Amino acid sequence: MKNRTIKTALLLFGATLFFSTNAFAQSQNRSERKKPPTFEELIEDMDANKDGKLSEDEIKGRLKKDFAKIDTDEDGFITAEEFEKAPKPKRQERRN
């Protein structure tokens, strides 16, 4: 009987430890999620001719796909003001 009580206590302790570390790991991952880049970061990375704005030839990724939506004055460049007013991408569905 005493042996069974010890095994049960160890099992409960192990389960508690497992679930608490699992929850802690998930909360840490949320803080490490990648944030969208600022316009200044995009300029630093992509502005090849250093004119302070981004042409369609200079950009890549999702920004390139949505270039026409973001370039509201249709001058062929994305400025800081246009970037700030750009529609935010829809959040992707979570996979379980």
C-alpha atoms as a PDB file:
ATOM      1  CA  MET A   1       0.000   0.000   0.000  1.00  0.00           C
ATOM      2  CA  LYS A   2       2.787   2.395   0.929  1.00  0.00           C
ATOM      3  CA  ASN A   3       4.592   1.623  -2.329  1.00  0.00           C
ATOM      4  CA  ARG A   4       1.444   2.391  -4.320  1.00  0.00           C
ATOM      5  CA  THR A   5       1.009   5.745  -2.554  1.00  0.00           C
ATOM      6  CA  ILE A   6       4.592   6.720  -3.389  1.00  0.00           C
ATOM      7  CA  LYS A   7       4.113   5.760  -7.053  1.00  0.00           C
ATOM      8  CA  THR A   8       0.886   7.788  -7.224  1.00  0.00           C
ATOM      9  CA  ALA A   9       2.564  10.809  -5.624  1.00  0.00           C
ATOM     10  CA  LEU A  10       5.482  10.593  -8.063  1.00  0.00           C
ATOM     11  CA  LEU A  11       3.111  10.258 -11.000  1.00  0.00           C
ATOM     12  CA  LEU A  12       1.136  13.335  -9.892  1.00  0.00           C
ATOM     13  CA  PHE A  13       4.342  15.283  -9.337  1.00  0.00           C
ATOM     14  CA  GLY A  14       5.626  14.307 -12.787  1.00  0.00           C
ATOM     15  CA  ALA A  15       2.353  15.258 -14.473  1.00  0.00           C
ATOM     16  CA  THR A  16       2.268  18.610 -12.678  1.00  0.00           C
ATOM     17  CA  LEU A  17       5.856  19.316 -13.666  1.00  0.00           C
ATOM     18  CA  PHE A  18       5.193  18.348 -17.301  1.00  0.00           C
ATOM     19  CA  PHE A  19       2.124  20.541 -17.683  1.00  0.00           C
ATOM     20  CA  SER A  20       3.660  23.533 -15.911  1.00  0.00           C
ATOM     21  CA  THR A  21       6.800  23.500 -18.083  1.00  0.00           C
ATOM     22  CA  ASN A  22       4.705  23.022 -21.210  1.00  0.00           C
ATOM     23  CA  ALA A  23       2.574  26.071 -20.354  1.00  0.00           C
ATOM     24  CA  PHE A  24       5.683  28.100 -19.554  1.00  0.00           C
ATOM     25  CA  ALA A  25       7.266  27.194 -22.894  1.00  0.00           C
ATOM     26  CA  GLN A  26       4.167  28.313 -24.779  1.00  0.00           C
ATOM     27  CA  SER A  27       4.095  31.669 -23.015  1.00  0.00           C
ATOM     28  CA  GLN A  28       7.771  32.196 -23.893  1.00  0.00           C
ATOM     29  CA  ASN A  29       7.086  31.498 -27.573  1.00  0.00           C
ATOM     30  CA  ARG A  30       4.496  34.260 -27.733  1.00  0.00           C
ATOM     31  CA  SER A  31       7.020  36.869 -26.692  1.00  0.00           C
ATOM     32  CA  GLU A  32       9.464  35.604 -29.323  1.00  0.00           C
ATOM     33  CA  ARG A  33       7.053  35.915 -32.241  1.00  0.00           C
ATOM     34  CA  LYS A  34       8.407  37.910 -35.101  1.00  0.00           C
ATOM     35  CA  LYS A  35       6.936  41.388 -35.346  1.00  0.00           C
ATOM     36  CA  PRO A  36       6.257  43.006 -38.710  1.00  0.00           C
ATOM     37  CA  PRO A  37       9.104  45.241 -39.880  1.00  0.00           C
ATOM     38  CA  THR A  38       8.917  49.001 -39.555  1.00  0.00           C
ATOM     39  CA  PHE A  39       9.198  51.202 -42.634  1.00  0.00           C
ATOM     40  CA  GLU A  40      12.676  52.235 -41.515  1.00  0.00           C
ATOM     41  CA  GLU A  41      13.756  48.590 -41.395  1.00  0.00           C
ATOM     42  CA  LEU A  42      12.330  47.989 -44.867  1.00  0.00           C
ATOM     43  CA  ILE A  43      14.147  51.038 -46.219  1.00  0.00           C
ATOM     44  CA  GLU A  44      17.396  49.810 -44.686  1.00  0.00           C
ATOM     45  CA  ASP A  45      16.950  46.338 -46.178  1.00  0.00           C
ATOM     46  CA  MET A  46      15.419  47.054 -49.583  1.00  0.00           C
ATOM     47  CA  ASP A  47      15.969  50.659 -50.701  1.00  0.00           C
ATOM     48  CA  ALA A  48      18.683  49.962 -53.283  1.00  0.00           C
ATOM     49  CA  ASN A  49      19.027  53.555 -54.553  1.00  0.00           C
ATOM     50  CA  LYS A  50      18.699  55.104 -51.056  1.00  0.00           C
ATOM     51  CA  ASP A  51      15.974  57.583 -52.048  1.00  0.00           C
ATOM     52  CA  GLY A  52      13.854  56.950 -48.932  1.00  0.00           C
ATOM     53  CA  LYS A  53      11.008  55.233 -50.748  1.00  0.00           C
ATOM     54  CA  LEU A  54      10.424  51.797 -52.185  1.00  0.00           C
ATOM     55  CA  SER A  55       9.742  51.050 -55.839  1.00  0.00           C
ATOM     56  CA  GLU A  56       8.114  47.829 -56.982  1.00  0.00           C
ATOM     57  CA  ASP A  57      11.484  46.630 -58.316  1.00  0.00           C
ATOM     58  CA  GLU A  58      13.108  47.057 -54.892  1.00  0.00           C
ATOM     59  CA  ILE A  59      10.597  45.156 -52.776  1.00  0.00           C
ATOM     60  CA  LYS A  60       9.854  41.466 -52.321  1.00  0.00           C
ATOM     61  CA  GLY A  61       7.469  39.125 -50.549  1.00  0.00           C
ATOM     62  CA  ARG A  62       3.946  39.989 -49.483  1.00  0.00           C
ATOM     63  CA  LEU A  63       4.655  43.688 -49.873  1.00  0.00           C
ATOM     64  CA  LYS A  64       5.322  43.180 -53.584  1.00  0.00           C
ATOM     65  CA  LYS A  65       2.053  41.269 -53.993  1.00  0.00           C
ATOM     66  CA  ASP A  66       0.087  44.126 -52.395  1.00  0.00           C
ATOM     67  CA  PHE A  67       2.078  46.956 -53.996  1.00  0.00           C
ATOM     68  CA  ALA A  68      -0.895  48.439 -55.900  1.00  0.00           C
ATOM     69  CA  LYS A  69      -3.032  48.499 -52.735  1.00  0.00           C
ATOM     70  CA  ILE A  70      -0.327  50.276 -50.736  1.00  0.00           C
ATOM     71  CA  ASP A  71       0.777  52.769 -53.428  1.00  0.00           C
ATOM     72  CA  THR A  72      -2.362  54.872 -53.055  1.00  0.00           C
ATOM     73  CA  ASP A  73      -1.124  57.874 -55.068  1.00  0.00           C
ATOM     74  CA  GLU A  74      -0.054  55.510 -57.887  1.00  0.00           C
ATOM     75  CA  ASP A  75       3.337  57.179 -58.372  1.00  0.00           C
ATOM     76  CA  GLY A  76       5.220  53.861 -58.429  1.00  0.00           C
ATOM     77  CA  PHE A  77       6.692  54.230 -54.937  1.00  0.00           C
ATOM     78  CA  ILE A  78       5.690  53.343 -51.398  1.00  0.00           C
ATOM     79  CA  THR A  79       6.425  56.144 -48.954  1.00  0.00           C
ATOM     80  CA  ALA A  80       6.442  56.012 -45.163  1.00  0.00           C
ATOM     81  CA  GLU A  81       2.995  57.631 -45.051  1.00  0.00           C
ATOM     82  CA  GLU A  82       1.522  55.105 -47.492  1.00  0.00           C
ATOM     83  CA  PHE A  83       3.113  52.231 -45.583  1.00  0.00           C
ATOM     84  CA  GLU A  84       1.621  53.407 -42.288  1.00  0.00           C
ATOM     85  CA  LYS A  85      -1.859  53.686 -43.842  1.00  0.00           C
ATOM     86  CA  ALA A  86      -1.594  50.330 -45.671  1.00  0.00           C
ATOM     87  CA  PRO A  87      -4.200  47.677 -44.898  1.00  0.00           C
ATOM     88  CA  LYS A  88      -2.832  45.161 -42.438  1.00  0.00           C
ATOM     89  CA  PRO A  89      -2.569  41.556 -43.655  1.00  0.00           C
ATOM     90  CA  LYS A  90      -5.215  39.177 -42.404  1.00  0.00           C
ATOM     91  CA  ARG A  91      -4.187  36.911 -39.602  1.00  0.00           C
ATOM     92  CA  GLN A  92      -3.636  33.317 -40.626  1.00  0.00           C
ATOM     93  CA  GLU A  93      -5.832  30.618 -39.119  1.00  0.00           C
ATOM     94  CA  ARG A  94      -4.239  28.515 -36.410  1.00  0.00           C
ATOM     95  CA  ARG A  95      -3.614  24.889 -37.190  1.00  0.00           C
ATOM     96  CA  ASN A  96      -4.310  22.399 -34.432  1.00  0.00           C
END
